[in-house]
Each structure stands twice: as C-alpha cells, then as structure tokens.
N, C-alpha and C. Protein backbone atom coordinates (compact mmCIF):
# COMPACT_ATOMS: atom_id res chain seq x y z
N MET A 1 16.11 28.45 23.39
CA MET A 1 15.51 27.50 22.50
C MET A 1 14.15 28.04 22.09
N GLY A 2 13.82 27.99 20.79
CA GLY A 2 12.56 28.52 20.29
C GLY A 2 11.39 27.59 20.55
N GLU A 3 10.19 28.16 20.52
CA GLU A 3 8.98 27.38 20.72
C GLU A 3 8.40 26.99 19.37
N PHE A 4 7.76 25.83 19.35
CA PHE A 4 7.05 25.38 18.17
C PHE A 4 5.57 25.67 18.39
N LYS A 5 4.99 26.48 17.54
CA LYS A 5 3.57 26.82 17.68
C LYS A 5 2.82 26.41 16.43
N VAL A 6 1.62 25.93 16.64
CA VAL A 6 0.75 25.57 15.52
C VAL A 6 -0.37 26.58 15.48
N ASN A 7 -0.59 27.16 14.32
CA ASN A 7 -1.69 28.08 14.12
C ASN A 7 -2.96 27.24 13.95
N THR A 8 -3.79 27.18 14.98
CA THR A 8 -4.97 26.33 14.94
C THR A 8 -6.07 26.89 14.05
N ASN A 9 -5.92 28.10 13.55
CA ASN A 9 -6.91 28.66 12.64
C ASN A 9 -6.73 28.17 11.21
N GLN A 10 -5.58 27.60 10.92
CA GLN A 10 -5.29 27.13 9.56
C GLN A 10 -5.34 25.61 9.53
N PRO A 11 -6.13 25.00 8.63
CA PRO A 11 -6.12 23.55 8.52
C PRO A 11 -4.80 23.08 7.94
N ILE A 12 -4.36 21.91 8.37
CA ILE A 12 -3.13 21.32 7.85
C ILE A 12 -3.51 20.20 6.91
N ASN A 13 -3.21 20.36 5.63
CA ASN A 13 -3.51 19.34 4.64
C ASN A 13 -2.27 18.52 4.37
N LEU A 14 -2.28 17.28 4.83
CA LEU A 14 -1.14 16.41 4.59
C LEU A 14 -1.18 15.84 3.18
N ILE A 15 -2.36 15.55 2.71
CA ILE A 15 -2.52 14.95 1.39
C ILE A 15 -3.58 15.74 0.65
N ASN A 16 -3.26 16.15 -0.54
CA ASN A 16 -4.19 16.90 -1.37
C ASN A 16 -5.42 16.05 -1.64
N SER A 17 -6.53 16.66 -1.92
CA SER A 17 -7.75 15.91 -2.16
C SER A 17 -7.69 15.14 -3.47
N SER A 18 -6.88 15.58 -4.42
CA SER A 18 -6.75 14.85 -5.67
C SER A 18 -5.75 13.71 -5.47
N ALA A 19 -5.93 12.66 -6.25
CA ALA A 19 -5.05 11.50 -6.13
C ALA A 19 -3.66 11.84 -6.64
N VAL A 20 -2.68 11.15 -6.12
CA VAL A 20 -1.28 11.36 -6.49
C VAL A 20 -0.93 10.39 -7.61
N LYS A 21 -0.23 10.89 -8.63
CA LYS A 21 0.19 10.03 -9.73
C LYS A 21 1.70 9.90 -9.71
N GLY A 22 2.19 8.87 -10.35
CA GLY A 22 3.62 8.66 -10.45
C GLY A 22 3.92 7.20 -10.70
N VAL A 23 5.15 6.93 -11.06
CA VAL A 23 5.56 5.56 -11.33
C VAL A 23 5.55 4.77 -10.02
N ILE A 24 4.93 3.61 -10.07
CA ILE A 24 4.85 2.72 -8.91
C ILE A 24 5.48 1.40 -9.33
N THR A 25 6.52 1.00 -8.61
CA THR A 25 7.22 -0.24 -8.94
C THR A 25 7.28 -1.13 -7.72
N PHE A 26 6.93 -2.40 -7.90
CA PHE A 26 7.11 -3.42 -6.88
C PHE A 26 8.38 -4.16 -7.25
N LYS A 27 9.38 -4.12 -6.36
CA LYS A 27 10.67 -4.73 -6.64
C LYS A 27 10.58 -6.24 -6.48
N GLY A 28 11.11 -6.96 -7.45
CA GLY A 28 11.12 -8.42 -7.40
C GLY A 28 12.04 -8.93 -6.32
N GLY A 29 11.97 -10.21 -6.07
CA GLY A 29 12.81 -10.81 -5.05
C GLY A 29 12.51 -12.29 -4.90
N SER A 30 12.90 -12.84 -3.78
CA SER A 30 12.63 -14.26 -3.51
C SER A 30 12.46 -14.46 -2.01
N TYR A 31 11.81 -15.55 -1.68
CA TYR A 31 11.61 -15.90 -0.29
C TYR A 31 11.42 -17.41 -0.19
N LYS A 32 11.52 -17.93 1.01
CA LYS A 32 11.33 -19.37 1.23
C LYS A 32 9.91 -19.61 1.71
N ALA A 33 9.30 -20.67 1.16
CA ALA A 33 7.93 -21.03 1.54
C ALA A 33 7.78 -22.55 1.46
N ARG A 34 6.80 -23.03 2.15
CA ARG A 34 6.50 -24.47 2.09
C ARG A 34 5.60 -24.75 0.89
N ASN A 35 5.92 -25.83 0.16
CA ASN A 35 5.08 -26.23 -0.96
C ASN A 35 3.98 -27.16 -0.46
N ALA A 36 3.19 -27.70 -1.37
CA ALA A 36 2.06 -28.56 -1.01
C ALA A 36 2.50 -29.82 -0.27
N ASN A 37 3.73 -30.26 -0.49
CA ASN A 37 4.26 -31.46 0.18
C ASN A 37 4.86 -31.14 1.54
N GLY A 38 4.93 -29.86 1.90
CA GLY A 38 5.50 -29.46 3.17
C GLY A 38 6.99 -29.18 3.11
N ASP A 39 7.58 -29.33 1.92
CA ASP A 39 9.00 -29.05 1.75
C ASP A 39 9.21 -27.55 1.58
N ILE A 40 10.36 -27.06 2.05
CA ILE A 40 10.68 -25.64 1.90
C ILE A 40 11.33 -25.45 0.53
N GLU A 41 10.82 -24.47 -0.20
CA GLU A 41 11.38 -24.17 -1.51
C GLU A 41 11.57 -22.67 -1.66
N ASN A 42 12.42 -22.29 -2.59
CA ASN A 42 12.68 -20.89 -2.87
C ASN A 42 11.66 -20.42 -3.91
N VAL A 43 10.94 -19.34 -3.60
CA VAL A 43 9.95 -18.77 -4.51
C VAL A 43 10.46 -17.41 -4.95
N SER A 44 10.51 -17.18 -6.26
CA SER A 44 10.96 -15.87 -6.74
C SER A 44 9.84 -15.21 -7.52
N PHE A 45 9.90 -13.88 -7.57
CA PHE A 45 8.89 -13.11 -8.29
C PHE A 45 9.58 -11.93 -8.95
N PRO A 46 9.11 -11.54 -10.15
CA PRO A 46 9.78 -10.47 -10.90
C PRO A 46 9.37 -9.08 -10.44
N THR A 47 10.17 -8.09 -10.83
CA THR A 47 9.83 -6.69 -10.61
C THR A 47 8.64 -6.34 -11.50
N LEU A 48 7.72 -5.56 -10.96
CA LEU A 48 6.53 -5.15 -11.72
C LEU A 48 6.35 -3.65 -11.61
N GLN A 49 6.33 -2.98 -12.75
CA GLN A 49 6.06 -1.53 -12.78
C GLN A 49 4.65 -1.33 -13.30
N LEU A 50 3.84 -0.62 -12.52
CA LEU A 50 2.47 -0.33 -12.93
C LEU A 50 2.47 0.84 -13.91
N PRO A 51 1.41 0.98 -14.71
CA PRO A 51 1.35 2.10 -15.65
C PRO A 51 1.49 3.44 -14.95
N GLU A 52 2.11 4.41 -15.64
CA GLU A 52 2.35 5.73 -15.06
C GLU A 52 1.07 6.45 -14.68
N ALA A 53 -0.03 6.10 -15.31
CA ALA A 53 -1.30 6.75 -15.02
C ALA A 53 -1.96 6.22 -13.75
N SER A 54 -1.32 5.27 -13.06
CA SER A 54 -1.88 4.75 -11.81
C SER A 54 -1.95 5.88 -10.78
N THR A 55 -2.97 5.84 -9.94
CA THR A 55 -3.12 6.86 -8.91
C THR A 55 -3.03 6.22 -7.52
N LEU A 56 -2.59 7.04 -6.56
CA LEU A 56 -2.46 6.61 -5.17
C LEU A 56 -3.39 7.43 -4.29
N ALA A 57 -4.07 6.76 -3.39
CA ALA A 57 -4.80 7.44 -2.32
C ALA A 57 -4.26 6.86 -1.02
N ILE A 58 -3.93 7.72 -0.07
CA ILE A 58 -3.26 7.29 1.16
C ILE A 58 -4.04 7.79 2.36
N GLU A 59 -4.18 6.91 3.36
CA GLU A 59 -4.88 7.28 4.59
C GLU A 59 -4.13 6.69 5.78
N VAL A 60 -4.07 7.45 6.86
CA VAL A 60 -3.49 6.97 8.10
C VAL A 60 -4.34 7.50 9.25
N GLN A 61 -4.48 6.71 10.30
CA GLN A 61 -5.28 7.12 11.45
C GLN A 61 -4.47 6.96 12.73
N LYS A 62 -4.89 7.70 13.75
CA LYS A 62 -4.29 7.57 15.07
C LYS A 62 -5.21 6.72 15.94
N SER A 63 -4.61 5.95 16.83
CA SER A 63 -5.37 5.25 17.86
C SER A 63 -5.43 6.18 19.07
N ILE A 64 -6.64 6.53 19.47
CA ILE A 64 -6.83 7.50 20.54
C ILE A 64 -7.76 6.91 21.60
N ILE A 65 -7.37 7.00 22.85
CA ILE A 65 -8.23 6.61 23.97
C ILE A 65 -8.83 7.89 24.53
N GLU A 66 -10.15 7.95 24.57
CA GLU A 66 -10.83 9.14 25.08
C GLU A 66 -11.47 8.81 26.42
N THR A 67 -11.15 9.61 27.43
CA THR A 67 -11.70 9.44 28.77
C THR A 67 -12.54 10.67 29.10
N PRO A 68 -13.86 10.48 29.34
CA PRO A 68 -14.71 11.64 29.65
C PRO A 68 -14.24 12.33 30.93
N LEU A 69 -14.34 13.66 30.94
CA LEU A 69 -14.00 14.44 32.12
C LEU A 69 -15.19 14.48 33.07
N ASN A 70 -14.93 14.27 34.38
CA ASN A 70 -16.00 14.31 35.37
C ASN A 70 -16.56 15.72 35.50
N GLY A 71 -17.88 15.83 35.45
CA GLY A 71 -18.55 17.09 35.70
C GLY A 71 -18.33 18.14 34.63
N GLY A 72 -17.86 17.77 33.50
CA GLY A 72 -17.63 18.79 32.48
C GLY A 72 -17.85 18.23 31.08
N ARG A 73 -17.71 19.11 30.16
CA ARG A 73 -17.84 18.70 28.77
C ARG A 73 -16.47 18.33 28.25
N GLY A 74 -16.45 17.43 27.30
CA GLY A 74 -15.19 17.07 26.67
C GLY A 74 -14.57 15.82 27.25
N SER A 75 -13.38 15.55 26.80
CA SER A 75 -12.68 14.35 27.24
C SER A 75 -11.18 14.56 27.18
N PHE A 76 -10.48 13.74 27.95
CA PHE A 76 -9.03 13.71 27.89
C PHE A 76 -8.66 12.71 26.80
N LYS A 77 -7.76 13.10 25.91
CA LYS A 77 -7.39 12.23 24.80
C LYS A 77 -5.95 11.79 24.94
N GLU A 78 -5.75 10.49 24.88
CA GLU A 78 -4.41 9.91 24.94
C GLU A 78 -4.13 9.25 23.59
N ILE A 79 -3.12 9.75 22.90
CA ILE A 79 -2.76 9.18 21.61
C ILE A 79 -1.87 7.98 21.88
N VAL A 80 -2.36 6.82 21.48
CA VAL A 80 -1.64 5.57 21.73
C VAL A 80 -0.60 5.32 20.66
N GLN A 81 -1.01 5.46 19.42
CA GLN A 81 -0.06 5.23 18.32
C GLN A 81 -0.62 5.79 17.02
N ILE A 82 0.28 6.00 16.09
CA ILE A 82 -0.14 6.34 14.74
C ILE A 82 -0.14 5.04 13.97
N GLY A 83 -1.24 4.76 13.31
CA GLY A 83 -1.41 3.50 12.61
C GLY A 83 -0.58 3.39 11.34
N GLU A 84 -0.77 2.29 10.67
CA GLU A 84 -0.08 2.06 9.41
C GLU A 84 -0.83 2.76 8.28
N TYR A 85 -0.11 3.08 7.24
CA TYR A 85 -0.72 3.75 6.09
C TYR A 85 -1.51 2.75 5.26
N GLU A 86 -2.74 3.13 4.94
CA GLU A 86 -3.58 2.35 4.02
C GLU A 86 -3.43 3.00 2.65
N ILE A 87 -3.07 2.23 1.66
CA ILE A 87 -2.78 2.75 0.33
C ILE A 87 -3.68 2.07 -0.68
N THR A 88 -4.32 2.88 -1.53
CA THR A 88 -5.14 2.34 -2.62
C THR A 88 -4.52 2.79 -3.93
N ILE A 89 -4.26 1.82 -4.80
CA ILE A 89 -3.69 2.08 -6.12
C ILE A 89 -4.75 1.72 -7.14
N VAL A 90 -5.06 2.66 -8.02
CA VAL A 90 -6.07 2.44 -9.06
C VAL A 90 -5.43 2.74 -10.41
N GLY A 91 -5.69 1.89 -11.38
CA GLY A 91 -5.13 2.12 -12.70
C GLY A 91 -5.88 1.37 -13.78
N THR A 92 -5.49 1.64 -15.00
CA THR A 92 -6.05 0.96 -16.16
C THR A 92 -4.91 0.52 -17.05
N LEU A 93 -4.94 -0.74 -17.44
CA LEU A 93 -3.96 -1.28 -18.37
C LEU A 93 -4.49 -1.12 -19.79
N LEU A 94 -3.70 -0.58 -20.66
CA LEU A 94 -4.06 -0.46 -22.08
C LEU A 94 -3.16 -1.41 -22.85
N ALA A 95 -3.75 -2.33 -23.58
CA ALA A 95 -2.98 -3.34 -24.28
C ALA A 95 -3.27 -3.31 -25.78
N GLN A 96 -2.42 -4.00 -26.54
CA GLN A 96 -2.58 -4.09 -27.99
C GLN A 96 -3.65 -5.09 -28.40
N ASN A 97 -3.84 -6.11 -27.54
CA ASN A 97 -4.82 -7.14 -27.88
C ASN A 97 -5.33 -7.81 -26.59
N TYR A 98 -6.29 -8.67 -26.74
CA TYR A 98 -6.93 -9.34 -25.61
C TYR A 98 -5.93 -10.16 -24.80
N GLU A 99 -5.05 -10.90 -25.49
CA GLU A 99 -4.08 -11.76 -24.81
C GLU A 99 -3.11 -10.94 -23.97
N GLN A 100 -2.64 -9.83 -24.51
CA GLN A 100 -1.71 -8.97 -23.77
C GLN A 100 -2.39 -8.37 -22.54
N ALA A 101 -3.65 -7.95 -22.69
CA ALA A 101 -4.39 -7.39 -21.56
C ALA A 101 -4.51 -8.41 -20.44
N ASN A 102 -4.87 -9.63 -20.79
CA ASN A 102 -5.01 -10.68 -19.77
C ASN A 102 -3.66 -11.06 -19.16
N ALA A 103 -2.59 -11.05 -19.96
CA ALA A 103 -1.26 -11.37 -19.44
C ALA A 103 -0.81 -10.33 -18.41
N GLU A 104 -1.10 -9.07 -18.66
CA GLU A 104 -0.72 -8.00 -17.71
C GLU A 104 -1.49 -8.14 -16.40
N ILE A 105 -2.78 -8.43 -16.50
CA ILE A 105 -3.58 -8.64 -15.27
C ILE A 105 -3.04 -9.86 -14.52
N GLN A 106 -2.64 -10.90 -15.25
CA GLN A 106 -2.10 -12.10 -14.60
C GLN A 106 -0.81 -11.78 -13.85
N ARG A 107 0.02 -10.88 -14.38
CA ARG A 107 1.26 -10.48 -13.70
C ARG A 107 0.94 -9.81 -12.36
N ILE A 108 -0.09 -8.95 -12.33
CA ILE A 108 -0.48 -8.31 -11.07
C ILE A 108 -1.04 -9.36 -10.12
N ASN A 109 -1.84 -10.28 -10.65
CA ASN A 109 -2.41 -11.33 -9.81
C ASN A 109 -1.31 -12.23 -9.23
N ASP A 110 -0.30 -12.54 -10.01
CA ASP A 110 0.83 -13.33 -9.51
C ASP A 110 1.54 -12.60 -8.38
N LEU A 111 1.71 -11.28 -8.52
CA LEU A 111 2.34 -10.49 -7.46
C LEU A 111 1.48 -10.52 -6.21
N PHE A 112 0.16 -10.46 -6.37
CA PHE A 112 -0.75 -10.50 -5.23
C PHE A 112 -0.59 -11.80 -4.44
N LYS A 113 -0.27 -12.86 -5.12
CA LYS A 113 -0.13 -14.18 -4.47
C LYS A 113 1.14 -14.32 -3.64
N VAL A 114 2.06 -13.36 -3.75
CA VAL A 114 3.30 -13.40 -2.96
C VAL A 114 2.93 -13.19 -1.49
N ASN A 115 3.32 -14.12 -0.66
CA ASN A 115 2.95 -14.10 0.76
C ASN A 115 4.04 -13.49 1.63
N ARG A 116 4.36 -12.25 1.32
CA ARG A 116 5.35 -11.54 2.13
C ARG A 116 5.24 -10.06 1.85
N SER A 117 5.95 -9.29 2.63
CA SER A 117 6.03 -7.86 2.43
C SER A 117 6.81 -7.59 1.15
N LEU A 118 6.37 -6.58 0.38
CA LEU A 118 7.01 -6.24 -0.89
C LEU A 118 7.67 -4.87 -0.81
N ASN A 119 8.81 -4.74 -1.43
CA ASN A 119 9.45 -3.43 -1.55
C ASN A 119 8.72 -2.65 -2.63
N ILE A 120 8.32 -1.43 -2.31
CA ILE A 120 7.62 -0.58 -3.26
C ILE A 120 8.46 0.67 -3.50
N ILE A 121 8.54 1.07 -4.76
CA ILE A 121 9.34 2.24 -5.12
C ILE A 121 8.42 3.27 -5.75
N ASN A 122 8.31 4.41 -5.07
CA ASN A 122 7.51 5.54 -5.55
C ASN A 122 7.97 6.75 -4.76
N ASP A 123 8.29 7.83 -5.47
CA ASP A 123 8.82 9.03 -4.81
C ASP A 123 7.91 9.54 -3.71
N TYR A 124 6.61 9.59 -3.97
CA TYR A 124 5.67 10.13 -2.99
C TYR A 124 5.60 9.24 -1.74
N LEU A 125 5.50 7.93 -1.96
CA LEU A 125 5.44 7.01 -0.82
C LEU A 125 6.73 7.08 -0.01
N GLN A 126 7.86 7.16 -0.68
CA GLN A 126 9.13 7.22 0.03
C GLN A 126 9.26 8.52 0.82
N SER A 127 8.64 9.61 0.34
CA SER A 127 8.68 10.86 1.11
C SER A 127 7.91 10.73 2.42
N LEU A 128 7.00 9.76 2.50
CA LEU A 128 6.25 9.49 3.73
C LEU A 128 6.91 8.37 4.55
N GLY A 129 8.05 7.87 4.08
CA GLY A 129 8.75 6.80 4.80
C GLY A 129 8.24 5.41 4.48
N ILE A 130 7.45 5.27 3.42
CA ILE A 130 6.88 3.97 3.07
C ILE A 130 7.76 3.32 2.01
N THR A 131 8.37 2.20 2.37
CA THR A 131 9.23 1.48 1.43
C THR A 131 8.80 0.03 1.25
N GLN A 132 7.95 -0.45 2.16
CA GLN A 132 7.46 -1.82 2.06
C GLN A 132 5.96 -1.83 2.32
N VAL A 133 5.27 -2.73 1.61
CA VAL A 133 3.82 -2.87 1.79
C VAL A 133 3.44 -4.35 1.75
N VAL A 134 2.28 -4.64 2.31
CA VAL A 134 1.66 -5.94 2.18
C VAL A 134 0.38 -5.73 1.39
N LEU A 135 0.22 -6.49 0.31
CA LEU A 135 -0.97 -6.35 -0.52
C LEU A 135 -2.15 -6.98 0.22
N ARG A 136 -3.21 -6.22 0.35
CA ARG A 136 -4.38 -6.69 1.09
C ARG A 136 -5.48 -7.17 0.15
N THR A 137 -5.81 -6.39 -0.89
CA THR A 137 -6.84 -6.80 -1.84
C THR A 137 -6.41 -6.47 -3.26
N PHE A 138 -6.93 -7.23 -4.19
CA PHE A 138 -6.73 -6.99 -5.63
C PHE A 138 -8.09 -7.18 -6.27
N SER A 139 -8.58 -6.15 -6.94
CA SER A 139 -9.90 -6.28 -7.57
C SER A 139 -9.86 -5.79 -9.00
N LEU A 140 -10.75 -6.36 -9.78
CA LEU A 140 -10.91 -6.01 -11.18
C LEU A 140 -12.33 -5.49 -11.36
N PRO A 141 -12.49 -4.17 -11.37
CA PRO A 141 -13.84 -3.62 -11.55
C PRO A 141 -14.43 -4.05 -12.88
N GLU A 142 -15.67 -3.75 -13.06
CA GLU A 142 -16.39 -4.08 -14.28
C GLU A 142 -15.58 -3.70 -15.51
N LEU A 143 -15.63 -4.56 -16.53
CA LEU A 143 -14.91 -4.27 -17.77
C LEU A 143 -15.44 -3.01 -18.41
N GLN A 144 -14.54 -2.21 -18.96
CA GLN A 144 -14.94 -0.97 -19.61
C GLN A 144 -15.28 -1.25 -21.07
N ALA A 145 -15.74 -0.22 -21.76
CA ALA A 145 -16.14 -0.36 -23.16
C ALA A 145 -14.97 -0.78 -24.05
N GLY A 146 -13.77 -0.30 -23.76
CA GLY A 146 -12.61 -0.65 -24.56
C GLY A 146 -12.25 -2.11 -24.39
N GLU A 147 -12.12 -2.83 -25.50
CA GLU A 147 -11.90 -4.27 -25.45
C GLU A 147 -10.55 -4.63 -24.83
N TYR A 148 -9.54 -3.78 -25.01
CA TYR A 148 -8.21 -4.11 -24.54
C TYR A 148 -7.80 -3.27 -23.33
N GLN A 149 -8.77 -2.80 -22.59
CA GLN A 149 -8.51 -2.06 -21.36
C GLN A 149 -8.92 -2.93 -20.18
N ARG A 150 -8.09 -2.93 -19.16
CA ARG A 150 -8.43 -3.65 -17.93
C ARG A 150 -8.13 -2.73 -16.76
N SER A 151 -9.16 -2.36 -16.02
CA SER A 151 -8.98 -1.55 -14.81
C SER A 151 -8.66 -2.47 -13.64
N TYR A 152 -7.93 -1.95 -12.67
CA TYR A 152 -7.58 -2.73 -11.49
C TYR A 152 -7.52 -1.81 -10.29
N GLN A 153 -7.65 -2.42 -9.12
CA GLN A 153 -7.48 -1.70 -7.87
C GLN A 153 -6.74 -2.61 -6.90
N ILE A 154 -5.71 -2.06 -6.27
CA ILE A 154 -4.91 -2.79 -5.29
C ILE A 154 -4.95 -1.99 -4.00
N THR A 155 -5.27 -2.64 -2.90
CA THR A 155 -5.14 -1.97 -1.61
C THR A 155 -4.02 -2.68 -0.84
N CYS A 156 -3.26 -1.88 -0.14
CA CYS A 156 -2.15 -2.43 0.64
C CYS A 156 -1.97 -1.61 1.90
N VAL A 157 -1.15 -2.14 2.79
CA VAL A 157 -0.87 -1.48 4.05
C VAL A 157 0.64 -1.40 4.21
N SER A 158 1.12 -0.27 4.74
CA SER A 158 2.57 -0.11 4.92
C SER A 158 3.09 -1.16 5.90
N ASP A 159 4.32 -1.56 5.68
CA ASP A 159 4.94 -2.58 6.53
C ASP A 159 6.42 -2.28 6.63
N ASN A 160 6.74 -1.24 7.39
CA ASN A 160 8.12 -0.84 7.51
C ASN A 160 8.77 -1.35 8.78
N ASN A 161 8.20 -2.38 9.35
CA ASN A 161 8.78 -2.98 10.55
C ASN A 161 9.96 -3.86 10.16
N PRO A 162 11.00 -3.90 10.97
CA PRO A 162 12.11 -4.78 10.66
C PRO A 162 11.65 -6.24 10.70
N GLU A 163 12.19 -7.04 9.78
CA GLU A 163 11.80 -8.44 9.76
C GLU A 163 12.37 -9.15 10.98
N ILE A 164 11.57 -10.04 11.51
CA ILE A 164 12.01 -10.84 12.65
C ILE A 164 12.57 -12.14 12.10
N GLN A 165 13.79 -12.46 12.44
CA GLN A 165 14.41 -13.68 11.95
C GLN A 165 14.47 -14.68 13.08
N SER A 166 14.20 -15.94 12.72
CA SER A 166 14.25 -16.98 13.74
C SER A 166 15.70 -17.30 14.08
N LEU A 167 15.93 -17.59 15.33
CA LEU A 167 17.26 -17.93 15.81
C LEU A 167 17.31 -19.43 16.06
N ASN A 168 18.32 -20.07 15.56
CA ASN A 168 18.53 -21.50 15.83
C ASN A 168 19.36 -21.61 17.09
N LEU A 169 18.72 -21.92 18.18
CA LEU A 169 19.43 -22.03 19.47
C LEU A 169 19.68 -23.47 19.81
C-alpha cells in the first residue's frame, strides 16, 4: 500500500484569491409553518436565479483544541471538527426601470424571509459538497450612481445535515 505524503514546502490553495463567478440558483419549494393565529399552513416560495455576474467568497475553519506542551515550546493540537462553510454572495441587479429594480430586490428579500434551509444550485458549491444553505444576512449597500442598479450581499452558511423529522409515537 502506498504512502500519502504532503509536500510542506508548497502552500495548498483551496480557493483562489479572486472571487468565483457562476450561476447561483435557489430552488423553490414549500414548508409548513405556523401563522399569526398559531395555525399550521403551507408556505411556498419560487425558484430564484441570481444574476450571472454574482460572485462567491467561501470560508471554512477547523475547531482546534491546543494544549501547551510541558517544558517546551509549542502545543499539541487536536482537531475537533471542520466547521460549516461560510458563503458570501455579492451582486448587482441591472433593471430597465425603478419599479423592476425594486421588484427584483423584493424577490431576494422574500427568499430571505424563508425560515428553513434552501437548496442551492451552483457548480462550484456542489464541487465542495454544498447543496443546502441557511441565509444568515441580506444587505443592500449604498445605492450606486446608476438609477436602476441595486447592489446586494447575501451571507449564508452550509447546511448539509439530514433533516430531523418528528416521530408521532
């Protein structure tokens, strides 16, 4: 059986320093939620494709416990887990008029209000095993000079854990 060796003289770049571009689609669906009266209702949301010029920045960290070594320099490192991927999506919507620009931003805002994990479709994310995300923040930076341009930023976290379903016992 062969050995696996890592050349420690060469840095390993998992993600290029430039942002990744590509089509990003949030797949529509439905889920059950309680309304203001406490009744359970079916909530549906449409598929949303962001502009192709949207960019992705991805970060992941390891949880490490470091224990200092007695009488020496350094520490023993125990890797506890690899965390979830933090994803930032940045883009600009270009519209024909003011109403269309605001309608597109409203569609993203409506998606942000969905209180569940969302299926995300993007070749790069899928190559990292990311197929579901939870939207964490949605922001609208300062308006740009173009009247019908609206910039946006969405941050999300990967959520590829199997859903836990309640059992009626």
